[in-house]
Amino acid sequence: MIDLRSIPNDAPVLIYGPTASGKSALALQIAEAGGGVIVNADALQVFDGWRVLTARPGVDDEARAPHALYGHVPFDAPYSVGHWLRDVTPLVQGGARPIIVGGTGLNFAALTQGLADIPATPPPVRDLANTVGLDDMLAALDPVTLGRIDQNNRARVQRAWEVQQATGRSIADWQDKTPPPLLPLSQVTALAMMPDPDWLNDRIARRFDLMIRDGALDEAAAMEPRWNPDHPSAKAIGAAELIAHIRGEIPLERACELAVIASRRYAKRQRTWLRSRMQDWQQISLPAQM
């Protein structure tokens, strides 16, 4: 895949890739070859409760190298890119070399490009936003912001509208005053795993079968009494489907089928992010052909 000897031991390593592409295995190889602490950059592996379903490293892997920011957030707690950036800061600023791995592009963008320090949206503003139409929101935004967002994406438009309402400043203005990045790309080894879609789709299906074998159903049964689809951790792919099965709403075969479809769609979005936002990263083709 990659010559580990070509990776400097004195600089942080970033590893991005779609789900099931082998990111965690590569991070472990790098840590064992040159030292370092493996730091999670996945938006869902931070939560407790869904260890198997989010493919968090197992106990054996954790014994082979230090790991950080895995399962440290309660399953029902809010957690954003800003939370993650604050949590990762001390791991980057001192101690063992960080090997930061995950499939959440926004986390890596915040880490290497900076993150605007926008205050959290007050609940009353959020509640009001849910009653405002898309056209009315667009009419309230400034031209610069309108030029930067997908105007057909309700979530992006609503976010910009909420920032404007809550702070009196446009989201574009906040973005233009973004502080310097914590880890510029010039200071790291940045690796992006670009898998062949057919190869990855097969791995996704096989991995979900292994998740079922390794206890994902038991995990879902334990979470079912506390299940709330509004919890951030509920976005774990396969969670809603397995909960539906536990509740007798769909057969297990159908739950697995739907989860695999969702995983493949998510992987496609991750590959799109890689192609559009990570041209400056060293891309690793999979399966390895070099």
C-alpha atoms as a PDB file:
ATOM      1  CA  MET A   1       0.000   0.000   0.000  1.00  0.00           C
ATOM      2  CA  ILE A   2       2.642   2.500   1.114  1.00  0.00           C
ATOM      3  CA  ASP A   3       6.262   2.244   2.184  1.00  0.00           C
ATOM      4  CA  LEU A   4       6.101   2.972   5.914  1.00  0.00           C
ATOM      5  CA  ARG A   5       9.776   3.901   5.840  1.00  0.00           C
ATOM      6  CA  SER A   6       8.869   6.937   3.740  1.00  0.00           C
ATOM      7  CA  ILE A   7       6.767   8.410   6.570  1.00  0.00           C
ATOM      8  CA  PRO A   8       8.795  10.694   8.880  1.00  0.00           C
ATOM      9  CA  ASN A   9       8.620   9.747  12.557  1.00  0.00           C
ATOM     10  CA  ASP A  10       8.797  13.352  13.750  1.00  0.00           C
ATOM     11  CA  ALA A  11       5.694  14.806  12.081  1.00  0.00           C
ATOM     12  CA  PRO A  12       1.967  14.191  12.620  1.00  0.00           C
ATOM     13  CA  VAL A  13       0.209  11.816  10.227  1.00  0.00           C
ATOM     14  CA  LEU A  14      -3.323  12.329   8.931  1.00  0.00           C
ATOM     15  CA  ILE A  15      -5.259   9.427   7.378  1.00  0.00           C
ATOM     16  CA  TYR A  16      -8.592  10.004   5.637  1.00  0.00           C
ATOM     17  CA  GLY A  17     -10.650   7.481   3.717  1.00  0.00           C
ATOM     18  CA  PRO A  18     -14.119   6.094   3.153  1.00  0.00           C
ATOM     19  CA  THR A  19     -15.687   3.656   5.552  1.00  0.00           C
ATOM     20  CA  ALA A  20     -14.205   0.129   5.444  1.00  0.00           C
ATOM     21  CA  SER A  21     -11.148   1.218   3.444  1.00  0.00           C
ATOM     22  CA  GLY A  22      -8.647   0.062   6.072  1.00  0.00           C
ATOM     23  CA  LYS A  23      -7.759   3.382   7.727  1.00  0.00           C
ATOM     24  CA  SER A  24      -7.456   2.002  11.245  1.00  0.00           C
ATOM     25  CA  ALA A  25      -5.224  -0.862  10.128  1.00  0.00           C
ATOM     26  CA  LEU A  26      -2.885   1.562   8.369  1.00  0.00           C
ATOM     27  CA  ALA A  27      -2.771   3.829  11.424  1.00  0.00           C
ATOM     28  CA  LEU A  28      -1.827   0.864  13.597  1.00  0.00           C
ATOM     29  CA  GLN A  29       0.946  -0.162  11.198  1.00  0.00           C
ATOM     30  CA  ILE A  30       2.365   3.359  11.233  1.00  0.00           C
ATOM     31  CA  ALA A  31       2.199   3.552  15.037  1.00  0.00           C
ATOM     32  CA  GLU A  32       3.967   0.226  15.463  1.00  0.00           C
ATOM     33  CA  ALA A  33       6.622   1.110  12.882  1.00  0.00           C
ATOM     34  CA  GLY A  34       7.456   4.610  14.071  1.00  0.00           C
ATOM     35  CA  GLY A  35       5.621   5.302  17.315  1.00  0.00           C
ATOM     36  CA  GLY A  36       2.776   7.637  18.089  1.00  0.00           C
ATOM     37  CA  VAL A  37      -0.740   7.801  19.483  1.00  0.00           C
ATOM     38  CA  ILE A  38      -3.692   6.972  17.217  1.00  0.00           C
ATOM     39  CA  VAL A  39      -6.242   9.790  17.465  1.00  0.00           C
ATOM     40  CA  ASN A  40      -9.823   9.404  16.275  1.00  0.00           C
ATOM     41  CA  ALA A  41     -11.166  11.918  13.736  1.00  0.00           C
ATOM     42  CA  ASP A  42     -14.432  10.079  13.039  1.00  0.00           C
ATOM     43  CA  ALA A  43     -17.593  11.916  14.080  1.00  0.00           C
ATOM     44  CA  LEU A  44     -19.329   8.753  15.343  1.00  0.00           C
ATOM     45  CA  GLN A  45     -16.523   6.747  16.908  1.00  0.00           C
ATOM     46  CA  VAL A  46     -16.321   9.406  19.629  1.00  0.00           C
ATOM     47  CA  PHE A  47     -19.554   8.109  21.201  1.00  0.00           C
ATOM     48  CA  ASP A  48     -19.938   5.292  23.665  1.00  0.00           C
ATOM     49  CA  GLY A  49     -22.659   2.721  23.129  1.00  0.00           C
ATOM     50  CA  TRP A  50     -21.944   1.840  19.500  1.00  0.00           C
ATOM     51  CA  ARG A  51     -18.476   0.316  19.562  1.00  0.00           C
ATOM     52  CA  VAL A  52     -19.071  -2.558  17.154  1.00  0.00           C
ATOM     53  CA  LEU A  53     -21.375  -0.718  14.777  1.00  0.00           C
ATOM     54  CA  THR A  54     -19.019   2.254  14.336  1.00  0.00           C
ATOM     55  CA  ALA A  55     -16.000  -0.051  13.869  1.00  0.00           C
ATOM     56  CA  ARG A  56     -14.052   1.408  16.761  1.00  0.00           C
ATOM     57  CA  PRO A  57     -10.681  -0.311  17.308  1.00  0.00           C
ATOM     58  CA  GLY A  58     -10.961  -3.458  19.363  1.00  0.00           C
ATOM     59  CA  VAL A  59      -9.315  -4.170  22.696  1.00  0.00           C
ATOM     60  CA  ASP A  60      -6.482  -6.077  21.019  1.00  0.00           C
ATOM     61  CA  ASP A  61      -5.688  -3.133  18.738  1.00  0.00           C
ATOM     62  CA  GLU A  62      -5.808  -0.715  21.655  1.00  0.00           C
ATOM     63  CA  ALA A  63      -3.236  -2.876  23.426  1.00  0.00           C
ATOM     64  CA  ARG A  64      -0.830  -2.606  20.482  1.00  0.00           C
ATOM     65  CA  ALA A  65      -0.671   1.220  20.429  1.00  0.00           C
ATOM     66  CA  PRO A  66      -2.091   4.137  22.423  1.00  0.00           C
ATOM     67  CA  HIS A  67      -5.494   5.366  21.220  1.00  0.00           C
ATOM     68  CA  ALA A  68      -7.330   8.609  22.025  1.00  0.00           C
ATOM     69  CA  LEU A  69     -10.781  10.184  21.519  1.00  0.00           C
ATOM     70  CA  TYR A  70     -12.590   6.886  21.015  1.00  0.00           C
ATOM     71  CA  GLY A  71     -15.871   6.378  22.891  1.00  0.00           C
ATOM     72  CA  HIS A  72     -15.198   9.278  25.254  1.00  0.00           C
ATOM     73  CA  VAL A  73     -18.502  11.105  24.650  1.00  0.00           C
ATOM     74  CA  PRO A  74     -21.828   9.926  26.171  1.00  0.00           C
ATOM     75  CA  PHE A  75     -24.154   8.522  23.505  1.00  0.00           C
ATOM     76  CA  ASP A  76     -26.797  11.179  24.212  1.00  0.00           C
ATOM     77  CA  ALA A  77     -24.489  14.203  24.313  1.00  0.00           C
ATOM     78  CA  PRO A  78     -24.115  16.840  21.567  1.00  0.00           C
ATOM     79  CA  TYR A  79     -20.751  16.841  19.829  1.00  0.00           C
ATOM     80  CA  SER A  80     -19.621  19.025  16.951  1.00  0.00           C
ATOM     81  CA  VAL A  81     -16.548  19.735  14.859  1.00  0.00           C
ATOM     82  CA  GLY A  82     -15.748  22.494  17.339  1.00  0.00           C
ATOM     83  CA  HIS A  83     -15.892  20.045  20.260  1.00  0.00           C
ATOM     84  CA  TRP A  84     -13.567  17.681  18.423  1.00  0.00           C
ATOM     85  CA  LEU A  85     -11.091  20.424  17.562  1.00  0.00           C
ATOM     86  CA  ARG A  86     -10.896  21.442  21.217  1.00  0.00           C
ATOM     87  CA  ASP A  87     -10.410  17.826  22.288  1.00  0.00           C
ATOM     88  CA  VAL A  88      -7.673  17.162  19.736  1.00  0.00           C
ATOM     89  CA  THR A  89      -5.704  20.367  20.465  1.00  0.00           C
ATOM     90  CA  PRO A  90      -3.705  19.089  23.480  1.00  0.00           C
ATOM     91  CA  LEU A  91      -2.898  15.874  21.618  1.00  0.00           C
ATOM     92  CA  VAL A  92      -1.415  17.879  18.762  1.00  0.00           C
ATOM     93  CA  GLN A  93       0.462  20.411  20.854  1.00  0.00           C
ATOM     94  CA  GLY A  94       2.540  18.039  22.932  1.00  0.00           C
ATOM     95  CA  GLY A  95       3.449  14.461  23.741  1.00  0.00           C
ATOM     96  CA  ALA A  96       3.629  11.525  21.347  1.00  0.00           C
ATOM     97  CA  ARG A  97       3.289  12.007  17.605  1.00  0.00           C
ATOM     98  CA  PRO A  98      -0.413  12.050  16.687  1.00  0.00           C
ATOM     99  CA  ILE A  99      -1.640   9.715  13.956  1.00  0.00           C
ATOM    100  CA  ILE A 100      -5.064  11.195  13.273  1.00  0.00           C
ATOM    101  CA  VAL A 101      -7.425   8.866  11.442  1.00  0.00           C
ATOM    102  CA  GLY A 102     -11.050   8.995  10.364  1.00  0.00           C
ATOM    103  CA  GLY A 103     -13.585   9.460   7.622  1.00  0.00           C
ATOM    104  CA  THR A 104     -15.103  12.796   8.650  1.00  0.00           C
ATOM    105  CA  GLY A 105     -13.849  15.359   6.163  1.00  0.00           C
ATOM    106  CA  LEU A 106     -15.111  18.345   8.172  1.00  0.00           C
ATOM    107  CA  ASN A 107     -12.856  17.415  11.087  1.00  0.00           C
ATOM    108  CA  PHE A 108      -9.797  17.338   8.848  1.00  0.00           C
ATOM    109  CA  ALA A 109     -10.810  20.596   7.170  1.00  0.00           C
ATOM    110  CA  ALA A 110     -11.090  22.283  10.565  1.00  0.00           C
ATOM    111  CA  LEU A 111      -7.751  20.836  11.638  1.00  0.00           C
ATOM    112  CA  THR A 112      -5.767  21.830   8.549  1.00  0.00           C
ATOM    113  CA  GLN A 113      -7.628  24.952   7.399  1.00  0.00           C
ATOM    114  CA  GLY A 114      -8.985  26.427  10.631  1.00  0.00           C
ATOM    115  CA  LEU A 115     -12.477  26.682  12.056  1.00  0.00           C
ATOM    116  CA  ALA A 116     -14.527  29.827  12.482  1.00  0.00           C
ATOM    117  CA  ASP A 117     -15.324  30.303  16.170  1.00  0.00           C
ATOM    118  CA  ILE A 118     -19.075  30.764  15.691  1.00  0.00           C
ATOM    119  CA  PRO A 119     -21.155  30.727  18.900  1.00  0.00           C
ATOM    120  CA  ALA A 120     -23.650  27.923  19.330  1.00  0.00           C
ATOM    121  CA  THR A 121     -27.155  28.657  18.064  1.00  0.00           C
ATOM    122  CA  PRO A 122     -29.570  29.413  20.948  1.00  0.00           C
ATOM    123  CA  PRO A 123     -32.497  26.960  21.097  1.00  0.00           C
ATOM    124  CA  PRO A 124     -35.131  29.677  20.440  1.00  0.00           C
ATOM    125  CA  VAL A 125     -33.386  30.617  17.183  1.00  0.00           C
ATOM    126  CA  ARG A 126     -33.187  26.953  16.184  1.00  0.00           C
ATOM    127  CA  ASP A 127     -36.877  26.477  16.960  1.00  0.00           C
ATOM    128  CA  LEU A 128     -37.773  29.548  14.903  1.00  0.00           C
ATOM    129  CA  ALA A 129     -35.628  28.370  11.991  1.00  0.00           C
ATOM    130  CA  ASN A 130     -37.660  25.198  11.757  1.00  0.00           C
ATOM    131  CA  THR A 131     -40.745  27.301  10.961  1.00  0.00           C
ATOM    132  CA  VAL A 132     -39.179  29.520   8.272  1.00  0.00           C
ATOM    133  CA  GLY A 133     -39.371  28.611   4.601  1.00  0.00           C
ATOM    134  CA  LEU A 134     -36.279  28.136   2.462  1.00  0.00           C
ATOM    135  CA  ASP A 135     -37.057  31.123   0.208  1.00  0.00           C
ATOM    136  CA  ASP A 136     -37.485  33.431   3.207  1.00  0.00           C
ATOM    137  CA  MET A 137     -34.176  32.274   4.633  1.00  0.00           C
ATOM    138  CA  LEU A 138     -32.394  32.887   1.342  1.00  0.00           C
ATOM    139  CA  ALA A 139     -33.894  36.378   1.123  1.00  0.00           C
ATOM    140  CA  ALA A 140     -32.377  37.229   4.515  1.00  0.00           C
ATOM    141  CA  LEU A 141     -28.812  36.225   3.590  1.00  0.00           C
ATOM    142  CA  ASP A 142     -26.111  38.487   2.196  1.00  0.00           C
ATOM    143  CA  PRO A 143     -24.750  38.054  -1.356  1.00  0.00           C
ATOM    144  CA  VAL A 144     -21.353  36.768  -0.212  1.00  0.00           C
ATOM    145  CA  THR A 145     -22.913  34.000   1.870  1.00  0.00           C
ATOM    146  CA  LEU A 146     -25.325  33.119  -0.941  1.00  0.00           C
ATOM    147  CA  GLY A 147     -22.367  32.684  -3.262  1.00  0.00           C
ATOM    148  CA  ARG A 148     -20.697  30.205  -0.926  1.00  0.00           C
ATOM    149  CA  ILE A 149     -23.498  27.838  -0.005  1.00  0.00           C
ATOM    150  CA  ASP A 150     -25.618  25.319  -1.872  1.00  0.00           C
ATOM    151  CA  GLN A 151     -28.896  27.241  -1.986  1.00  0.00           C
ATOM    152  CA  ASN A 152     -30.860  24.023  -2.518  1.00  0.00           C
ATOM    153  CA  ASN A 153     -29.426  22.433   0.629  1.00  0.00           C
ATOM    154  CA  ARG A 154     -31.859  23.238   3.440  1.00  0.00           C
ATOM    155  CA  ALA A 155     -29.377  22.338   6.180  1.00  0.00           C
ATOM    156  CA  ARG A 156     -26.656  24.639   4.806  1.00  0.00           C
ATOM    157  CA  VAL A 157     -29.071  27.526   4.244  1.00  0.00           C
ATOM    158  CA  GLN A 158     -30.595  27.113   7.691  1.00  0.00           C
ATOM    159  CA  ARG A 159     -27.166  27.084   9.309  1.00  0.00           C
ATOM    160  CA  ALA A 160     -26.264  30.372   7.606  1.00  0.00           C
ATOM    161  CA  TRP A 161     -29.627  31.886   8.543  1.00  0.00           C
ATOM    162  CA  GLU A 162     -29.271  30.824  12.189  1.00  0.00           C
ATOM    163  CA  VAL A 163     -25.792  32.363  12.427  1.00  0.00           C
ATOM    164  CA  GLN A 164     -27.089  35.620  10.956  1.00  0.00           C
ATOM    165  CA  GLN A 165     -30.032  35.735  13.348  1.00  0.00           C
ATOM    166  CA  ALA A 166     -28.098  34.695  16.460  1.00  0.00           C
ATOM    167  CA  THR A 167     -24.970  36.819  16.021  1.00  0.00           C
ATOM    168  CA  GLY A 168     -25.955  39.704  13.783  1.00  0.00           C
ATOM    169  CA  ARG A 169     -23.074  38.775  11.483  1.00  0.00           C
ATOM    170  CA  SER A 170     -23.090  36.716   8.310  1.00  0.00           C
ATOM    171  CA  ILE A 171     -21.545  33.270   8.300  1.00  0.00           C
ATOM    172  CA  ALA A 172     -19.274  34.502   5.496  1.00  0.00           C
ATOM    173  CA  ASP A 173     -17.934  37.197   7.814  1.00  0.00           C
ATOM    174  CA  TRP A 174     -17.254  34.636  10.518  1.00  0.00           C
ATOM    175  CA  GLN A 175     -15.511  32.388   7.997  1.00  0.00           C
ATOM    176  CA  ASP A 176     -13.331  35.233   6.718  1.00  0.00           C
ATOM    177  CA  LYS A 177     -12.053  35.770  10.262  1.00  0.00           C
ATOM    178  CA  THR A 178     -11.182  32.114  10.786  1.00  0.00           C
ATOM    179  CA  PRO A 179      -8.114  31.693  13.045  1.00  0.00           C
ATOM    180  CA  PRO A 180      -4.978  29.941  11.732  1.00  0.00           C
ATOM    181  CA  PRO A 181      -5.205  26.149  11.449  1.00  0.00           C
ATOM    182  CA  LEU A 182      -3.951  23.941  14.231  1.00  0.00           C
ATOM    183  CA  LEU A 183      -2.073  21.677  11.801  1.00  0.00           C
ATOM    184  CA  PRO A 184      -1.378  23.133   8.333  1.00  0.00           C
ATOM    185  CA  LEU A 185      -0.831  20.511   5.636  1.00  0.00           C
ATOM    186  CA  SER A 186       2.748  21.727   5.252  1.00  0.00           C
ATOM    187  CA  GLN A 187       3.529  20.338   8.716  1.00  0.00           C
ATOM    188  CA  VAL A 188       2.067  16.843   8.351  1.00  0.00           C
ATOM    189  CA  THR A 189       2.071  13.674   6.300  1.00  0.00           C
ATOM    190  CA  ALA A 190      -1.439  13.641   4.840  1.00  0.00           C
ATOM    191  CA  LEU A 191      -2.658  10.346   3.369  1.00  0.00           C
ATOM    192  CA  ALA A 192      -6.009   9.865   1.606  1.00  0.00           C
ATOM    193  CA  MET A 193      -7.198   6.363   0.765  1.00  0.00           C
ATOM    194  CA  MET A 194      -8.958   6.202  -2.607  1.00  0.00           C
ATOM    195  CA  PRO A 195     -10.508   2.745  -3.044  1.00  0.00           C
ATOM    196  CA  ASP A 196     -11.960   1.189  -6.153  1.00  0.00           C
ATOM    197  CA  PRO A 197     -15.768   1.387  -5.676  1.00  0.00           C
ATOM    198  CA  ASP A 198     -16.463  -2.283  -6.466  1.00  0.00           C
ATOM    199  CA  TRP A 199     -13.656  -3.428  -4.179  1.00  0.00           C
ATOM    200  CA  LEU A 200     -14.964  -1.209  -1.378  1.00  0.00           C
ATOM    201  CA  ASN A 201     -18.605  -2.211  -1.826  1.00  0.00           C
ATOM    202  CA  ASP A 202     -17.641  -5.843  -1.339  1.00  0.00           C
ATOM    203  CA  ARG A 203     -15.663  -4.993   1.804  1.00  0.00           C
ATOM    204  CA  ILE A 204     -18.589  -3.016   3.208  1.00  0.00           C
ATOM    205  CA  ALA A 205     -20.954  -5.985   2.831  1.00  0.00           C
ATOM    206  CA  ARG A 206     -18.490  -8.426   4.340  1.00  0.00           C
ATOM    207  CA  ARG A 207     -17.679  -6.081   7.223  1.00  0.00           C
ATOM    208  CA  PHE A 208     -21.320  -5.693   8.172  1.00  0.00           C
ATOM    209  CA  ASP A 209     -21.663  -9.473   8.313  1.00  0.00           C
ATOM    210  CA  LEU A 210     -18.683  -9.497  10.686  1.00  0.00           C
ATOM    211  CA  MET A 211     -20.285  -6.778  12.804  1.00  0.00           C
ATOM    212  CA  ILE A 212     -23.366  -8.955  13.241  1.00  0.00           C
ATOM    213  CA  ARG A 213     -21.141 -11.882  14.162  1.00  0.00           C
ATOM    214  CA  ASP A 214     -19.181  -9.771  16.634  1.00  0.00           C
ATOM    215  CA  GLY A 215     -22.141  -8.474  18.600  1.00  0.00           C
ATOM    216  CA  ALA A 216     -23.805  -5.582  16.781  1.00  0.00           C
ATOM    217  CA  LEU A 217     -27.235  -7.057  17.518  1.00  0.00           C
ATOM    218  CA  ASP A 218     -26.449  -7.326  21.235  1.00  0.00           C
ATOM    219  CA  GLU A 219     -25.236  -3.740  21.107  1.00  0.00           C
ATOM    220  CA  ALA A 220     -28.492  -2.627  19.501  1.00  0.00           C
ATOM    221  CA  ALA A 221     -30.543  -4.548  22.070  1.00  0.00           C
ATOM    222  CA  ALA A 222     -28.672  -2.774  24.867  1.00  0.00           C
ATOM    223  CA  MET A 223     -29.238   0.616  23.259  1.00  0.00           C
ATOM    224  CA  GLU A 224     -32.910   0.074  22.322  1.00  0.00           C
ATOM    225  CA  PRO A 225     -34.434   1.198  25.650  1.00  0.00           C
ATOM    226  CA  ARG A 226     -32.476   4.475  25.353  1.00  0.00           C
ATOM    227  CA  TRP A 227     -32.929   4.899  21.607  1.00  0.00           C
ATOM    228  CA  ASN A 228     -33.648   8.406  20.376  1.00  0.00           C
ATOM    229  CA  PRO A 229     -33.167   9.142  16.661  1.00  0.00           C
ATOM    230  CA  ASP A 230     -32.370  12.767  17.547  1.00  0.00           C
ATOM    231  CA  HIS A 231     -29.202  11.832  19.423  1.00  0.00           C
ATOM    232  CA  PRO A 232     -26.057  12.547  17.346  1.00  0.00           C
ATOM    233  CA  SER A 233     -24.852   8.991  17.996  1.00  0.00           C
ATOM    234  CA  ALA A 234     -28.035   7.673  16.347  1.00  0.00           C
ATOM    235  CA  LYS A 235     -26.480   8.585  12.987  1.00  0.00           C
ATOM    236  CA  ALA A 236     -24.278   5.497  13.264  1.00  0.00           C
ATOM    237  CA  ILE A 237     -24.923   3.636  10.026  1.00  0.00           C
ATOM    238  CA  GLY A 238     -27.040   0.587  10.707  1.00  0.00           C
ATOM    239  CA  ALA A 239     -28.254   1.774  14.112  1.00  0.00           C
ATOM    240  CA  ALA A 240     -31.790   2.683  13.045  1.00  0.00           C
ATOM    241  CA  GLU A 241     -32.101  -0.499  10.999  1.00  0.00           C
ATOM    242  CA  LEU A 242     -30.979  -2.788  13.818  1.00  0.00           C
ATOM    243  CA  ILE A 243     -33.217  -0.996  16.306  1.00  0.00           C
ATOM    244  CA  ALA A 244     -36.123  -1.536  13.904  1.00  0.00           C
ATOM    245  CA  HIS A 245     -35.278  -5.235  13.800  1.00  0.00           C
ATOM    246  CA  ILE A 246     -35.006  -5.458  17.592  1.00  0.00           C
ATOM    247  CA  ARG A 247     -38.477  -3.924  17.804  1.00  0.00           C
ATOM    248  CA  GLY A 248     -39.878  -6.491  15.387  1.00  0.00           C
ATOM    249  CA  GLU A 249     -40.493  -4.019  12.584  1.00  0.00           C
ATOM    250  CA  ILE A 250     -38.266  -5.602   9.909  1.00  0.00           C
ATOM    251  CA  PRO A 251     -36.468  -8.945   9.535  1.00  0.00           C
ATOM    252  CA  LEU A 252     -32.738  -9.083  10.201  1.00  0.00           C
ATOM    253  CA  GLU A 253     -31.908  -9.790   6.563  1.00  0.00           C
ATOM    254  CA  ARG A 254     -33.684  -6.594   5.490  1.00  0.00           C
ATOM    255  CA  ALA A 255     -32.032  -4.573   8.263  1.00  0.00           C
ATOM    256  CA  CYS A 256     -28.610  -5.729   7.101  1.00  0.00           C
ATOM    257  CA  GLU A 257     -29.450  -5.017   3.471  1.00  0.00           C
ATOM    258  CA  LEU A 258     -30.537  -1.459   4.275  1.00  0.00           C
ATOM    259  CA  ALA A 259     -27.472  -0.838   6.434  1.00  0.00           C
ATOM    260  CA  VAL A 260     -25.118  -1.983   3.680  1.00  0.00           C
ATOM    261  CA  ILE A 261     -26.895   0.269   1.161  1.00  0.00           C
ATOM    262  CA  ALA A 262     -26.545   3.229   3.530  1.00  0.00           C
ATOM    263  CA  SER A 263     -22.865   2.448   4.106  1.00  0.00           C
ATOM    264  CA  ARG A 264     -22.169   2.326   0.375  1.00  0.00           C
ATOM    265  CA  ARG A 265     -23.926   5.649  -0.160  1.00  0.00           C
ATOM    266  CA  TYR A 266     -21.930   7.206   2.660  1.00  0.00           C
ATOM    267  CA  ALA A 267     -18.690   5.860   1.182  1.00  0.00           C
ATOM    268  CA  LYS A 268     -19.606   7.440  -2.147  1.00  0.00           C
ATOM    269  CA  ARG A 269     -20.016  10.826  -0.447  1.00  0.00           C
ATOM    270  CA  GLN A 270     -16.678  10.360   1.275  1.00  0.00           C
ATOM    271  CA  ARG A 271     -14.959   9.619  -2.041  1.00  0.00           C
ATOM    272  CA  THR A 272     -16.555  12.728  -3.521  1.00  0.00           C
ATOM    273  CA  TRP A 273     -15.197  14.812  -0.636  1.00  0.00           C
ATOM    274  CA  LEU A 274     -11.754  13.351  -1.191  1.00  0.00           C
ATOM    275  CA  ARG A 275     -11.741  14.174  -4.892  1.00  0.00           C
ATOM    276  CA  SER A 276     -13.041  17.703  -4.422  1.00  0.00           C
ATOM    277  CA  ARG A 277     -11.382  18.789  -1.186  1.00  0.00           C
ATOM    278  CA  MET A 278      -8.168  16.789  -0.801  1.00  0.00           C
ATOM    279  CA  GLN A 279      -6.188  17.299  -3.982  1.00  0.00           C
ATOM    280  CA  ASP A 280      -3.129  18.236  -1.897  1.00  0.00           C
ATOM    281  CA  TRP A 281      -3.152  14.976   0.063  1.00  0.00           C
ATOM    282  CA  GLN A 282      -1.096  11.944  -0.958  1.00  0.00           C
ATOM    283  CA  GLN A 283      -3.681   9.595  -2.441  1.00  0.00           C
ATOM    284  CA  ILE A 284      -3.355   5.847  -1.952  1.00  0.00           C
ATOM    285  CA  SER A 285      -5.125   3.684  -4.522  1.00  0.00           C
ATOM    286  CA  LEU A 286      -6.889   0.572  -3.249  1.00  0.00           C
ATOM    287  CA  PRO A 287      -6.557  -2.281  -3.749  1.00  0.00           C
ATOM    288  CA  ALA A 288      -2.814  -1.688  -3.832  1.00  0.00           C
ATOM    289  CA  GLN A 289      -1.440  -2.092  -7.338  1.00  0.00           C
ATOM    290  CA  MET A 290       2.037  -0.718  -6.851  1.00  0.00           C
END
